[in-house]
Amino acid sequence: MDSAASNAYGLAEQTFDDWLADHGRCGWARTFEPATVKLRNQALGRVAAVLGHPSPCAAARRWVADTIQAWAPLEVLFPSREYTEEPGVSGELGTHMGEIVEREYGFMLAAATNPQTATEWLQADAQQLGLDLALAGALLGTLRDGSDDAWVPGHTCMSLALAEYLHRQALGMRQLLVDAVAMSYTTSIALRRRQLQAACRSTPCLVAATRRYA
């Protein structure tokens, strides 16, 4: 591992330790996976896969985008920060959690046998995906290849807004985005992901697999 990769790996280790020290960010993930050594090895294993890729910057970008895709639908249910300035993100979907679990996560409810446990499983998954996003972002901020990564904040905001739009659609709730804006977000997100996948086709699955509860 060269010095740049070694520095990036060290930053990822610190990012993991910061996440682990913050119960608000890791509490549910640790409840359902108490072996923190296993969590650490899995998370840093994905970091090592990126750093060992022939194009680590491209791999880090794909990791960011793929993780956002999985994380956004859960982040709008269990927001880890305030989104008052983000159009299309209300921070209020948690008050409809019972209905969301029943309508959208029935497979998980069936395995959990009660809505509270299913909700806790979802929150644990949200936290683990949040860890992956923090790690991927740390690598992307450290590795440099001359490309402009200013797309990440906008991509994140669109993904969150579209995730809430889809939850609201499933529940028949009043929308915060007009359909035309939602469609433009869908197109922009899909285009970005296609570009990143084209730039990094050989990356193994890096996104933390949400647990299967069957």
N, C-alpha and C. Protein backbone atom coordinates (compact mmCIF):
# COMPACT_ATOMS: atom_id res chain seq x y z
N MET A 1 0.85 -1.20 0.00
CA MET A 1 0.00 0.00 0.00
C MET A 1 0.89 1.24 0.00
N ASP A 2 0.72 2.13 -0.99
CA ASP A 2 1.57 3.31 -1.05
C ASP A 2 1.15 4.31 0.02
N SER A 3 1.89 5.41 0.11
CA SER A 3 1.67 6.36 1.21
C SER A 3 0.30 7.01 1.12
N ALA A 4 -0.16 7.34 -0.10
CA ALA A 4 -1.48 7.96 -0.24
C ALA A 4 -2.57 7.01 0.20
N ALA A 5 -2.47 5.73 -0.21
CA ALA A 5 -3.46 4.74 0.19
C ALA A 5 -3.40 4.50 1.70
N SER A 6 -2.18 4.49 2.23
CA SER A 6 -2.02 4.28 3.67
C SER A 6 -2.66 5.42 4.46
N ASN A 7 -2.48 6.65 3.98
CA ASN A 7 -3.11 7.80 4.65
C ASN A 7 -4.62 7.72 4.56
N ALA A 8 -5.13 7.31 3.40
CA ALA A 8 -6.57 7.19 3.22
C ALA A 8 -7.14 6.11 4.13
N TYR A 9 -6.42 5.00 4.26
CA TYR A 9 -6.88 3.92 5.13
C TYR A 9 -6.88 4.39 6.58
N GLY A 10 -5.86 5.12 6.96
CA GLY A 10 -5.83 5.65 8.33
C GLY A 10 -6.99 6.58 8.61
N LEU A 11 -7.35 7.41 7.63
CA LEU A 11 -8.50 8.30 7.79
C LEU A 11 -9.79 7.49 7.92
N ALA A 12 -9.90 6.41 7.16
CA ALA A 12 -11.07 5.56 7.26
C ALA A 12 -11.16 4.91 8.64
N GLU A 13 -10.04 4.48 9.16
CA GLU A 13 -10.03 3.90 10.51
C GLU A 13 -10.53 4.92 11.54
N GLN A 14 -10.07 6.15 11.41
CA GLN A 14 -10.52 7.19 12.34
C GLN A 14 -12.00 7.48 12.16
N THR A 15 -12.49 7.45 10.92
CA THR A 15 -13.90 7.66 10.65
C THR A 15 -14.74 6.57 11.30
N PHE A 16 -14.27 5.33 11.22
CA PHE A 16 -14.98 4.23 11.88
C PHE A 16 -14.99 4.43 13.39
N ASP A 17 -13.85 4.79 13.97
CA ASP A 17 -13.78 4.98 15.42
C ASP A 17 -14.70 6.11 15.87
N ASP A 18 -14.78 7.18 15.08
CA ASP A 18 -15.68 8.29 15.42
C ASP A 18 -17.13 7.83 15.38
N TRP A 19 -17.48 7.04 14.38
CA TRP A 19 -18.84 6.50 14.27
C TRP A 19 -19.15 5.61 15.47
N LEU A 20 -18.22 4.74 15.83
CA LEU A 20 -18.43 3.80 16.92
C LEU A 20 -18.57 4.52 18.26
N ALA A 21 -17.91 5.65 18.40
CA ALA A 21 -17.96 6.39 19.67
C ALA A 21 -19.24 7.19 19.83
N ASP A 22 -20.02 7.33 18.76
CA ASP A 22 -21.24 8.14 18.78
C ASP A 22 -22.44 7.20 18.79
N HIS A 23 -23.03 7.00 19.98
CA HIS A 23 -24.12 6.04 20.11
C HIS A 23 -25.31 6.42 19.24
N GLY A 24 -25.51 7.71 19.02
CA GLY A 24 -26.61 8.14 18.18
C GLY A 24 -26.46 7.70 16.73
N ARG A 25 -25.22 7.49 16.32
CA ARG A 25 -24.96 7.06 14.94
C ARG A 25 -24.83 5.55 14.81
N CYS A 26 -24.48 4.85 15.90
CA CYS A 26 -24.17 3.42 15.76
C CYS A 26 -24.99 2.53 16.69
N GLY A 27 -25.82 3.11 17.57
CA GLY A 27 -26.46 2.33 18.63
C GLY A 27 -27.26 1.14 18.15
N TRP A 28 -28.13 1.36 17.15
CA TRP A 28 -28.96 0.26 16.67
C TRP A 28 -28.14 -0.73 15.88
N ALA A 29 -27.19 -0.26 15.09
CA ALA A 29 -26.33 -1.19 14.35
C ALA A 29 -25.57 -2.09 15.31
N ARG A 30 -25.11 -1.55 16.42
CA ARG A 30 -24.38 -2.34 17.40
C ARG A 30 -25.32 -3.26 18.19
N THR A 31 -26.58 -2.86 18.33
CA THR A 31 -27.53 -3.72 19.03
C THR A 31 -27.73 -5.03 18.29
N PHE A 32 -27.82 -4.94 16.96
CA PHE A 32 -28.08 -6.14 16.17
C PHE A 32 -26.81 -6.80 15.64
N GLU A 33 -25.69 -6.13 15.78
CA GLU A 33 -24.40 -6.74 15.45
C GLU A 33 -23.42 -6.31 16.53
N PRO A 34 -23.52 -6.96 17.72
CA PRO A 34 -22.71 -6.52 18.86
C PRO A 34 -21.22 -6.75 18.68
N ALA A 35 -20.83 -7.61 17.75
CA ALA A 35 -19.41 -7.89 17.54
C ALA A 35 -18.79 -6.74 16.75
N THR A 36 -18.31 -5.72 17.46
CA THR A 36 -17.78 -4.54 16.77
C THR A 36 -16.55 -4.87 15.94
N VAL A 37 -15.82 -5.92 16.31
CA VAL A 37 -14.68 -6.34 15.50
C VAL A 37 -15.16 -6.78 14.12
N LYS A 38 -16.29 -7.49 14.08
CA LYS A 38 -16.85 -7.92 12.80
C LYS A 38 -17.30 -6.71 11.98
N LEU A 39 -17.98 -5.76 12.63
CA LEU A 39 -18.40 -4.54 11.94
C LEU A 39 -17.19 -3.82 11.36
N ARG A 40 -16.15 -3.71 12.17
CA ARG A 40 -14.95 -3.00 11.73
C ARG A 40 -14.29 -3.71 10.55
N ASN A 41 -14.15 -5.03 10.66
CA ASN A 41 -13.50 -5.78 9.60
C ASN A 41 -14.28 -5.70 8.29
N GLN A 42 -15.61 -5.77 8.38
CA GLN A 42 -16.42 -5.67 7.17
C GLN A 42 -16.30 -4.29 6.54
N ALA A 43 -16.42 -3.25 7.38
CA ALA A 43 -16.38 -1.88 6.86
C ALA A 43 -15.01 -1.56 6.25
N LEU A 44 -13.96 -1.87 6.99
CA LEU A 44 -12.62 -1.55 6.50
C LEU A 44 -12.20 -2.49 5.37
N GLY A 45 -12.85 -3.65 5.28
CA GLY A 45 -12.62 -4.52 4.14
C GLY A 45 -13.10 -3.87 2.85
N ARG A 46 -14.22 -3.15 2.93
CA ARG A 46 -14.70 -2.43 1.76
C ARG A 46 -13.77 -1.27 1.41
N VAL A 47 -13.22 -0.63 2.43
CA VAL A 47 -12.22 0.42 2.19
C VAL A 47 -11.01 -0.16 1.46
N ALA A 48 -10.52 -1.30 1.94
CA ALA A 48 -9.36 -1.93 1.32
C ALA A 48 -9.65 -2.32 -0.13
N ALA A 49 -10.90 -2.75 -0.41
CA ALA A 49 -11.27 -3.11 -1.78
C ALA A 49 -11.18 -1.91 -2.71
N VAL A 50 -11.61 -0.75 -2.22
CA VAL A 50 -11.51 0.47 -3.02
C VAL A 50 -10.05 0.85 -3.24
N LEU A 51 -9.27 0.83 -2.17
CA LEU A 51 -7.88 1.24 -2.29
C LEU A 51 -7.06 0.28 -3.14
N GLY A 52 -7.49 -0.97 -3.22
CA GLY A 52 -6.79 -1.95 -4.03
C GLY A 52 -7.26 -2.02 -5.47
N HIS A 53 -8.26 -1.21 -5.80
CA HIS A 53 -8.81 -1.20 -7.15
C HIS A 53 -7.83 -0.51 -8.10
N PRO A 54 -7.77 -0.93 -9.38
CA PRO A 54 -6.88 -0.25 -10.33
C PRO A 54 -7.17 1.24 -10.49
N SER A 55 -8.45 1.62 -10.27
CA SER A 55 -8.83 3.04 -10.32
C SER A 55 -9.54 3.39 -9.02
N PRO A 56 -8.79 3.60 -7.95
CA PRO A 56 -9.42 3.80 -6.64
C PRO A 56 -10.34 5.01 -6.57
N CYS A 57 -10.03 6.08 -7.27
CA CYS A 57 -10.91 7.25 -7.25
C CYS A 57 -12.27 6.92 -7.87
N ALA A 58 -12.23 6.22 -9.00
CA ALA A 58 -13.48 5.83 -9.65
C ALA A 58 -14.26 4.87 -8.77
N ALA A 59 -13.55 3.96 -8.11
CA ALA A 59 -14.21 3.02 -7.21
C ALA A 59 -14.84 3.74 -6.02
N ALA A 60 -14.15 4.75 -5.49
CA ALA A 60 -14.70 5.51 -4.37
C ALA A 60 -15.95 6.27 -4.80
N ARG A 61 -15.93 6.84 -6.00
CA ARG A 61 -17.12 7.56 -6.49
C ARG A 61 -18.30 6.60 -6.64
N ARG A 62 -18.03 5.42 -7.18
CA ARG A 62 -19.13 4.47 -7.33
C ARG A 62 -19.65 4.03 -5.96
N TRP A 63 -18.75 3.84 -5.01
CA TRP A 63 -19.16 3.46 -3.65
C TRP A 63 -20.06 4.53 -3.06
N VAL A 64 -19.68 5.79 -3.23
CA VAL A 64 -20.51 6.89 -2.73
C VAL A 64 -21.90 6.83 -3.35
N ALA A 65 -21.98 6.75 -4.66
CA ALA A 65 -23.27 6.80 -5.34
C ALA A 65 -24.13 5.58 -5.02
N ASP A 66 -23.51 4.39 -5.02
CA ASP A 66 -24.28 3.18 -4.73
C ASP A 66 -24.79 3.18 -3.29
N THR A 67 -23.99 3.71 -2.38
CA THR A 67 -24.42 3.76 -0.98
C THR A 67 -25.54 4.78 -0.80
N ILE A 68 -25.43 5.93 -1.44
CA ILE A 68 -26.51 6.92 -1.36
C ILE A 68 -27.82 6.32 -1.83
N GLN A 69 -27.78 5.52 -2.89
CA GLN A 69 -28.98 4.90 -3.43
C GLN A 69 -29.69 4.03 -2.38
N ALA A 70 -28.90 3.29 -1.60
CA ALA A 70 -29.47 2.41 -0.59
C ALA A 70 -29.81 3.16 0.71
N TRP A 71 -29.03 4.19 1.01
CA TRP A 71 -29.15 4.91 2.28
C TRP A 71 -30.31 5.91 2.28
N ALA A 72 -30.54 6.61 1.19
CA ALA A 72 -31.51 7.71 1.17
C ALA A 72 -32.92 7.29 1.61
N PRO A 73 -33.48 6.16 1.14
CA PRO A 73 -34.83 5.80 1.58
C PRO A 73 -34.96 5.57 3.07
N LEU A 74 -33.85 5.20 3.73
CA LEU A 74 -33.88 5.00 5.18
C LEU A 74 -33.54 6.29 5.92
N GLU A 75 -32.67 7.10 5.34
CA GLU A 75 -32.29 8.36 5.99
C GLU A 75 -33.50 9.28 6.15
N VAL A 76 -34.42 9.29 5.19
CA VAL A 76 -35.59 10.17 5.32
C VAL A 76 -36.56 9.63 6.37
N LEU A 77 -36.42 8.36 6.75
CA LEU A 77 -37.25 7.80 7.83
C LEU A 77 -36.60 8.02 9.19
N PHE A 78 -35.27 7.97 9.21
CA PHE A 78 -34.51 8.12 10.46
C PHE A 78 -33.44 9.20 10.24
N PRO A 79 -33.85 10.45 10.10
CA PRO A 79 -32.87 11.50 9.74
C PRO A 79 -31.77 11.63 10.79
N SER A 80 -30.54 11.66 10.30
CA SER A 80 -29.39 11.79 11.20
C SER A 80 -29.00 13.24 11.42
N ARG A 81 -29.67 14.17 10.72
CA ARG A 81 -29.44 15.60 10.92
C ARG A 81 -30.69 16.35 10.50
N GLU A 82 -30.69 17.65 10.69
CA GLU A 82 -31.82 18.47 10.29
C GLU A 82 -31.78 18.70 8.77
N TYR A 83 -32.94 18.63 8.14
CA TYR A 83 -33.03 18.85 6.70
C TYR A 83 -33.98 20.00 6.39
N THR A 84 -34.05 20.96 7.28
CA THR A 84 -35.01 22.06 7.10
C THR A 84 -34.75 22.88 5.85
N GLU A 85 -33.51 22.88 5.37
CA GLU A 85 -33.18 23.67 4.18
C GLU A 85 -33.20 22.85 2.91
N GLU A 86 -33.53 21.57 3.01
CA GLU A 86 -33.52 20.70 1.84
C GLU A 86 -34.91 20.61 1.23
N PRO A 87 -35.13 21.09 0.02
CA PRO A 87 -36.46 20.99 -0.58
C PRO A 87 -36.84 19.53 -0.82
N GLY A 88 -38.06 19.21 -0.44
CA GLY A 88 -38.55 17.86 -0.65
C GLY A 88 -38.30 16.90 0.48
N VAL A 89 -37.60 17.34 1.52
CA VAL A 89 -37.31 16.48 2.67
C VAL A 89 -37.93 17.11 3.91
N SER A 90 -38.91 16.43 4.49
CA SER A 90 -39.68 17.03 5.58
C SER A 90 -39.16 16.68 6.97
N GLY A 91 -38.53 15.51 7.11
CA GLY A 91 -38.15 15.04 8.44
C GLY A 91 -39.32 14.53 9.24
N GLU A 92 -40.48 14.38 8.59
CA GLU A 92 -41.71 14.01 9.30
C GLU A 92 -42.19 12.59 9.00
N LEU A 93 -41.50 11.87 8.14
CA LEU A 93 -42.00 10.55 7.76
C LEU A 93 -41.99 9.55 8.91
N GLY A 94 -41.13 9.80 9.89
CA GLY A 94 -41.08 8.89 11.04
C GLY A 94 -42.40 8.76 11.77
N THR A 95 -43.24 9.77 11.68
CA THR A 95 -44.54 9.71 12.35
C THR A 95 -45.49 8.75 11.65
N HIS A 96 -45.13 8.30 10.45
CA HIS A 96 -45.94 7.35 9.68
C HIS A 96 -45.26 5.98 9.60
N MET A 97 -44.35 5.72 10.53
CA MET A 97 -43.51 4.53 10.43
C MET A 97 -44.32 3.24 10.38
N GLY A 98 -45.35 3.13 11.18
CA GLY A 98 -46.14 1.91 11.19
C GLY A 98 -46.72 1.58 9.83
N GLU A 99 -47.26 2.58 9.19
CA GLU A 99 -47.85 2.38 7.88
C GLU A 99 -46.79 2.11 6.82
N ILE A 100 -45.65 2.79 6.94
CA ILE A 100 -44.56 2.58 5.99
C ILE A 100 -44.03 1.15 6.09
N VAL A 101 -43.82 0.68 7.32
CA VAL A 101 -43.33 -0.69 7.51
C VAL A 101 -44.32 -1.68 6.93
N GLU A 102 -45.60 -1.47 7.18
CA GLU A 102 -46.62 -2.41 6.71
C GLU A 102 -46.70 -2.42 5.18
N ARG A 103 -46.64 -1.25 4.57
CA ARG A 103 -46.84 -1.17 3.11
C ARG A 103 -45.58 -1.43 2.30
N GLU A 104 -44.41 -1.00 2.84
CA GLU A 104 -43.20 -1.06 2.03
C GLU A 104 -42.20 -2.12 2.50
N TYR A 105 -42.28 -2.52 3.74
CA TYR A 105 -41.31 -3.47 4.29
C TYR A 105 -42.04 -4.66 4.91
N GLY A 106 -43.05 -5.14 4.21
CA GLY A 106 -43.84 -6.26 4.72
C GLY A 106 -43.03 -7.51 4.96
N PHE A 107 -42.03 -7.74 4.11
CA PHE A 107 -41.17 -8.92 4.28
C PHE A 107 -40.43 -8.87 5.61
N MET A 108 -40.02 -7.66 5.99
CA MET A 108 -39.31 -7.50 7.25
C MET A 108 -40.27 -7.62 8.43
N LEU A 109 -41.46 -7.07 8.28
CA LEU A 109 -42.47 -7.18 9.32
C LEU A 109 -42.83 -8.63 9.56
N ALA A 110 -42.93 -9.41 8.49
CA ALA A 110 -43.26 -10.82 8.63
C ALA A 110 -42.19 -11.57 9.41
N ALA A 111 -40.93 -11.23 9.17
CA ALA A 111 -39.83 -11.89 9.88
C ALA A 111 -39.73 -11.41 11.32
N ALA A 112 -40.02 -10.13 11.54
CA ALA A 112 -39.87 -9.55 12.87
C ALA A 112 -41.05 -9.89 13.77
N THR A 113 -42.21 -10.11 13.19
CA THR A 113 -43.48 -10.43 13.86
C THR A 113 -44.12 -9.24 14.56
N ASN A 114 -43.42 -8.12 14.69
CA ASN A 114 -44.05 -6.93 15.25
C ASN A 114 -43.41 -5.68 14.66
N PRO A 115 -44.18 -4.60 14.53
CA PRO A 115 -43.68 -3.38 13.88
C PRO A 115 -42.48 -2.75 14.58
N GLN A 116 -42.43 -2.82 15.90
CA GLN A 116 -41.33 -2.16 16.61
C GLN A 116 -39.99 -2.78 16.26
N THR A 117 -39.93 -4.12 16.26
CA THR A 117 -38.67 -4.78 15.92
C THR A 117 -38.29 -4.52 14.47
N ALA A 118 -39.28 -4.55 13.57
CA ALA A 118 -39.00 -4.26 12.16
C ALA A 118 -38.43 -2.85 12.01
N THR A 119 -38.99 -1.90 12.75
CA THR A 119 -38.50 -0.52 12.70
C THR A 119 -37.07 -0.44 13.22
N GLU A 120 -36.77 -1.17 14.28
CA GLU A 120 -35.41 -1.16 14.83
C GLU A 120 -34.42 -1.77 13.84
N TRP A 121 -34.84 -2.80 13.14
CA TRP A 121 -33.97 -3.39 12.12
C TRP A 121 -33.67 -2.38 11.01
N LEU A 122 -34.70 -1.67 10.59
CA LEU A 122 -34.51 -0.66 9.55
C LEU A 122 -33.56 0.43 10.02
N GLN A 123 -33.70 0.84 11.27
CA GLN A 123 -32.82 1.89 11.78
C GLN A 123 -31.38 1.39 11.88
N ALA A 124 -31.21 0.14 12.24
CA ALA A 124 -29.86 -0.43 12.28
C ALA A 124 -29.24 -0.43 10.88
N ASP A 125 -30.03 -0.79 9.88
CA ASP A 125 -29.54 -0.75 8.51
C ASP A 125 -29.19 0.67 8.08
N ALA A 126 -30.03 1.63 8.47
CA ALA A 126 -29.76 3.02 8.13
C ALA A 126 -28.43 3.46 8.72
N GLN A 127 -28.15 3.06 9.94
CA GLN A 127 -26.90 3.45 10.59
C GLN A 127 -25.69 2.81 9.92
N GLN A 128 -25.82 1.54 9.54
CA GLN A 128 -24.69 0.88 8.90
C GLN A 128 -24.42 1.47 7.52
N LEU A 129 -25.47 1.81 6.80
CA LEU A 129 -25.28 2.46 5.51
C LEU A 129 -24.70 3.86 5.70
N GLY A 130 -25.10 4.54 6.78
CA GLY A 130 -24.51 5.84 7.09
C GLY A 130 -23.02 5.74 7.35
N LEU A 131 -22.60 4.66 8.00
CA LEU A 131 -21.17 4.41 8.20
C LEU A 131 -20.47 4.25 6.85
N ASP A 132 -21.04 3.44 5.98
CA ASP A 132 -20.42 3.24 4.67
C ASP A 132 -20.30 4.55 3.91
N LEU A 133 -21.33 5.38 4.00
CA LEU A 133 -21.29 6.65 3.29
C LEU A 133 -20.20 7.55 3.86
N ALA A 134 -20.04 7.53 5.18
CA ALA A 134 -18.98 8.32 5.80
C ALA A 134 -17.59 7.82 5.36
N LEU A 135 -17.43 6.52 5.30
CA LEU A 135 -16.15 5.95 4.86
C LEU A 135 -15.87 6.27 3.39
N ALA A 136 -16.88 6.08 2.56
CA ALA A 136 -16.71 6.36 1.13
C ALA A 136 -16.40 7.83 0.90
N GLY A 137 -17.11 8.70 1.64
CA GLY A 137 -16.86 10.13 1.52
C GLY A 137 -15.47 10.51 1.97
N ALA A 138 -14.99 9.84 3.04
CA ALA A 138 -13.65 10.12 3.53
C ALA A 138 -12.60 9.76 2.48
N LEU A 139 -12.79 8.62 1.82
CA LEU A 139 -11.85 8.23 0.77
C LEU A 139 -11.90 9.20 -0.40
N LEU A 140 -13.11 9.57 -0.79
CA LEU A 140 -13.25 10.46 -1.94
C LEU A 140 -12.62 11.82 -1.65
N GLY A 141 -12.67 12.24 -0.39
CA GLY A 141 -12.06 13.51 -0.03
C GLY A 141 -10.54 13.45 0.07
N THR A 142 -10.00 12.22 0.14
CA THR A 142 -8.55 12.05 0.27
C THR A 142 -7.88 11.71 -1.05
N LEU A 143 -8.52 10.81 -1.80
CA LEU A 143 -7.96 10.40 -3.09
C LEU A 143 -8.23 11.48 -4.14
N ARG A 144 -7.26 11.77 -4.96
CA ARG A 144 -7.41 12.83 -5.95
C ARG A 144 -6.93 12.34 -7.32
N ASP A 145 -7.73 12.59 -8.35
CA ASP A 145 -7.28 12.27 -9.70
C ASP A 145 -7.56 13.42 -10.66
N GLY A 146 -7.87 14.58 -10.11
CA GLY A 146 -8.10 15.76 -10.94
C GLY A 146 -9.55 15.98 -11.33
N SER A 147 -10.43 15.01 -11.05
CA SER A 147 -11.84 15.17 -11.40
C SER A 147 -12.55 16.02 -10.35
N ASP A 148 -13.64 16.64 -10.77
CA ASP A 148 -14.43 17.50 -9.90
C ASP A 148 -15.52 16.65 -9.23
N ASP A 149 -15.50 16.58 -7.92
CA ASP A 149 -16.50 15.81 -7.19
C ASP A 149 -17.55 16.69 -6.52
N ALA A 150 -17.74 17.87 -7.09
CA ALA A 150 -18.75 18.78 -6.54
C ALA A 150 -20.17 18.28 -6.75
N TRP A 151 -20.34 17.18 -7.51
CA TRP A 151 -21.65 16.62 -7.77
C TRP A 151 -22.26 15.95 -6.55
N VAL A 152 -21.44 15.57 -5.58
CA VAL A 152 -21.93 14.73 -4.48
C VAL A 152 -23.04 15.40 -3.66
N PRO A 153 -22.89 16.64 -3.20
CA PRO A 153 -23.98 17.24 -2.40
C PRO A 153 -25.30 17.31 -3.15
N GLY A 154 -25.26 17.73 -4.42
CA GLY A 154 -26.50 17.81 -5.19
C GLY A 154 -27.12 16.45 -5.42
N HIS A 155 -26.28 15.47 -5.71
CA HIS A 155 -26.77 14.11 -5.91
C HIS A 155 -27.42 13.58 -4.64
N THR A 156 -26.81 13.89 -3.51
CA THR A 156 -27.37 13.46 -2.22
C THR A 156 -28.72 14.11 -1.97
N CYS A 157 -28.82 15.41 -2.19
CA CYS A 157 -30.08 16.12 -1.96
C CYS A 157 -31.19 15.60 -2.86
N MET A 158 -30.88 15.37 -4.14
CA MET A 158 -31.89 14.84 -5.05
C MET A 158 -32.32 13.44 -4.63
N SER A 159 -31.37 12.63 -4.19
CA SER A 159 -31.69 11.26 -3.78
C SER A 159 -32.59 11.25 -2.56
N LEU A 160 -32.33 12.13 -1.61
CA LEU A 160 -33.18 12.22 -0.42
C LEU A 160 -34.57 12.69 -0.78
N ALA A 161 -34.67 13.72 -1.59
CA ALA A 161 -35.98 14.25 -1.97
C ALA A 161 -36.78 13.21 -2.75
N LEU A 162 -36.12 12.49 -3.65
CA LEU A 162 -36.81 11.46 -4.42
C LEU A 162 -37.23 10.30 -3.53
N ALA A 163 -36.40 9.97 -2.56
CA ALA A 163 -36.76 8.90 -1.62
C ALA A 163 -38.03 9.26 -0.85
N GLU A 164 -38.10 10.51 -0.38
CA GLU A 164 -39.31 10.92 0.33
C GLU A 164 -40.51 10.95 -0.61
N TYR A 165 -40.29 11.39 -1.83
CA TYR A 165 -41.37 11.41 -2.83
C TYR A 165 -41.96 10.01 -3.00
N LEU A 166 -41.10 9.01 -3.10
CA LEU A 166 -41.57 7.64 -3.32
C LEU A 166 -42.28 7.08 -2.08
N HIS A 167 -41.78 7.42 -0.90
CA HIS A 167 -42.50 7.01 0.32
C HIS A 167 -43.89 7.64 0.36
N ARG A 168 -43.95 8.92 0.06
CA ARG A 168 -45.24 9.61 0.07
C ARG A 168 -46.19 9.03 -0.98
N GLN A 169 -45.63 8.68 -2.11
CA GLN A 169 -46.45 8.07 -3.16
C GLN A 169 -47.02 6.74 -2.68
N ALA A 170 -46.23 5.94 -2.00
CA ALA A 170 -46.68 4.65 -1.50
C ALA A 170 -47.79 4.79 -0.47
N LEU A 171 -47.75 5.89 0.29
CA LEU A 171 -48.74 6.11 1.35
C LEU A 171 -49.92 6.95 0.88
N GLY A 172 -49.85 7.50 -0.33
CA GLY A 172 -50.92 8.37 -0.81
C GLY A 172 -50.94 9.72 -0.11
N MET A 173 -49.75 10.18 0.32
CA MET A 173 -49.64 11.46 1.02
C MET A 173 -49.47 12.61 0.03
N ARG A 174 -49.75 13.81 0.50
CA ARG A 174 -49.51 15.01 -0.30
C ARG A 174 -48.03 15.13 -0.61
N GLN A 175 -47.71 15.43 -1.85
CA GLN A 175 -46.31 15.50 -2.27
C GLN A 175 -45.71 16.88 -2.00
N LEU A 176 -44.41 16.89 -1.72
CA LEU A 176 -43.66 18.12 -1.56
C LEU A 176 -42.99 18.52 -2.87
N LEU A 177 -42.80 17.57 -3.77
CA LEU A 177 -42.24 17.84 -5.09
C LEU A 177 -43.32 17.66 -6.15
N VAL A 178 -43.31 18.50 -7.14
CA VAL A 178 -44.21 18.27 -8.27
C VAL A 178 -43.63 17.12 -9.10
N ASP A 179 -44.49 16.45 -9.84
CA ASP A 179 -44.06 15.27 -10.57
C ASP A 179 -42.92 15.56 -11.54
N ALA A 180 -42.98 16.73 -12.19
CA ALA A 180 -41.94 17.06 -13.18
C ALA A 180 -40.56 17.16 -12.52
N VAL A 181 -40.51 17.71 -11.33
CA VAL A 181 -39.23 17.82 -10.62
C VAL A 181 -38.75 16.44 -10.21
N ALA A 182 -39.67 15.61 -9.71
CA ALA A 182 -39.29 14.25 -9.32
C ALA A 182 -38.73 13.48 -10.52
N MET A 183 -39.34 13.66 -11.68
CA MET A 183 -38.86 12.98 -12.87
C MET A 183 -37.49 13.49 -13.29
N SER A 184 -37.26 14.79 -13.14
CA SER A 184 -35.95 15.34 -13.50
C SER A 184 -34.88 14.81 -12.55
N TYR A 185 -35.23 14.66 -11.27
CA TYR A 185 -34.29 14.09 -10.31
C TYR A 185 -33.97 12.64 -10.68
N THR A 186 -35.01 11.88 -11.03
CA THR A 186 -34.81 10.48 -11.41
C THR A 186 -33.85 10.38 -12.58
N THR A 187 -34.04 11.23 -13.58
CA THR A 187 -33.18 11.21 -14.76
C THR A 187 -31.75 11.58 -14.41
N SER A 188 -31.58 12.62 -13.60
CA SER A 188 -30.24 13.08 -13.24
C SER A 188 -29.49 12.02 -12.42
N ILE A 189 -30.19 11.41 -11.47
CA ILE A 189 -29.57 10.38 -10.64
C ILE A 189 -29.16 9.18 -11.48
N ALA A 190 -30.06 8.75 -12.35
CA ALA A 190 -29.77 7.59 -13.19
C ALA A 190 -28.59 7.86 -14.12
N LEU A 191 -28.52 9.06 -14.68
CA LEU A 191 -27.42 9.41 -15.56
C LEU A 191 -26.09 9.39 -14.81
N ARG A 192 -26.07 9.96 -13.64
CA ARG A 192 -24.84 9.99 -12.85
C ARG A 192 -24.39 8.57 -12.52
N ARG A 193 -25.32 7.72 -12.11
CA ARG A 193 -24.95 6.35 -11.75
C ARG A 193 -24.44 5.58 -12.96
N ARG A 194 -25.04 5.80 -14.12
CA ARG A 194 -24.55 5.13 -15.33
C ARG A 194 -23.12 5.57 -15.65
N GLN A 195 -22.86 6.85 -15.50
CA GLN A 195 -21.52 7.37 -15.77
C GLN A 195 -20.49 6.76 -14.82
N LEU A 196 -20.86 6.67 -13.55
CA LEU A 196 -19.93 6.13 -12.55
C LEU A 196 -19.73 4.63 -12.74
N GLN A 197 -20.78 3.93 -13.11
CA GLN A 197 -20.65 2.49 -13.37
C GLN A 197 -19.80 2.23 -14.61
N ALA A 198 -19.93 3.09 -15.61
CA ALA A 198 -19.11 2.94 -16.80
C ALA A 198 -17.64 3.18 -16.49
N ALA A 199 -17.37 4.08 -15.56
CA ALA A 199 -16.00 4.39 -15.19
C ALA A 199 -15.39 3.34 -14.28
N CYS A 200 -16.24 2.54 -13.66
CA CYS A 200 -15.77 1.53 -12.69
C CYS A 200 -16.68 0.32 -12.76
N ARG A 201 -16.46 -0.52 -13.74
CA ARG A 201 -17.33 -1.68 -13.95
C ARG A 201 -16.93 -2.88 -13.10
N SER A 202 -15.68 -2.95 -12.72
CA SER A 202 -15.17 -4.17 -12.10
C SER A 202 -15.19 -4.15 -10.58
N THR A 203 -15.77 -3.11 -9.98
CA THR A 203 -15.80 -3.03 -8.53
C THR A 203 -16.69 -4.12 -7.96
N PRO A 204 -16.22 -4.86 -6.96
CA PRO A 204 -17.10 -5.81 -6.29
C PRO A 204 -18.17 -5.05 -5.52
N CYS A 205 -19.21 -5.76 -5.09
CA CYS A 205 -20.28 -5.10 -4.34
C CYS A 205 -19.70 -4.50 -3.07
N LEU A 206 -19.76 -3.19 -2.96
CA LEU A 206 -19.17 -2.50 -1.81
C LEU A 206 -20.21 -2.06 -0.80
N VAL A 207 -21.45 -1.92 -1.23
CA VAL A 207 -22.46 -1.41 -0.33
C VAL A 207 -22.76 -2.43 0.75
N ALA A 208 -22.81 -1.97 1.99
CA ALA A 208 -23.12 -2.87 3.10
C ALA A 208 -24.46 -3.55 2.83
N ALA A 209 -24.46 -4.86 2.82
CA ALA A 209 -25.70 -5.59 2.59
C ALA A 209 -26.60 -5.46 3.82
N THR A 210 -27.80 -4.96 3.62
CA THR A 210 -28.74 -4.92 4.73
C THR A 210 -29.09 -6.36 5.08
N ARG A 211 -29.21 -6.62 6.35
CA ARG A 211 -29.41 -7.99 6.81
C ARG A 211 -30.69 -8.60 6.26
N ARG A 212 -30.67 -9.89 6.07
CA ARG A 212 -31.85 -10.61 5.61
C ARG A 212 -32.50 -11.23 6.84
N TYR A 213 -33.78 -10.99 7.00
CA TYR A 213 -34.46 -11.39 8.21
C TYR A 213 -35.43 -12.53 7.95
N ALA A 214 -35.02 -13.49 7.17
CA ALA A 214 -35.90 -14.62 6.89
C ALA A 214 -35.44 -15.83 7.66
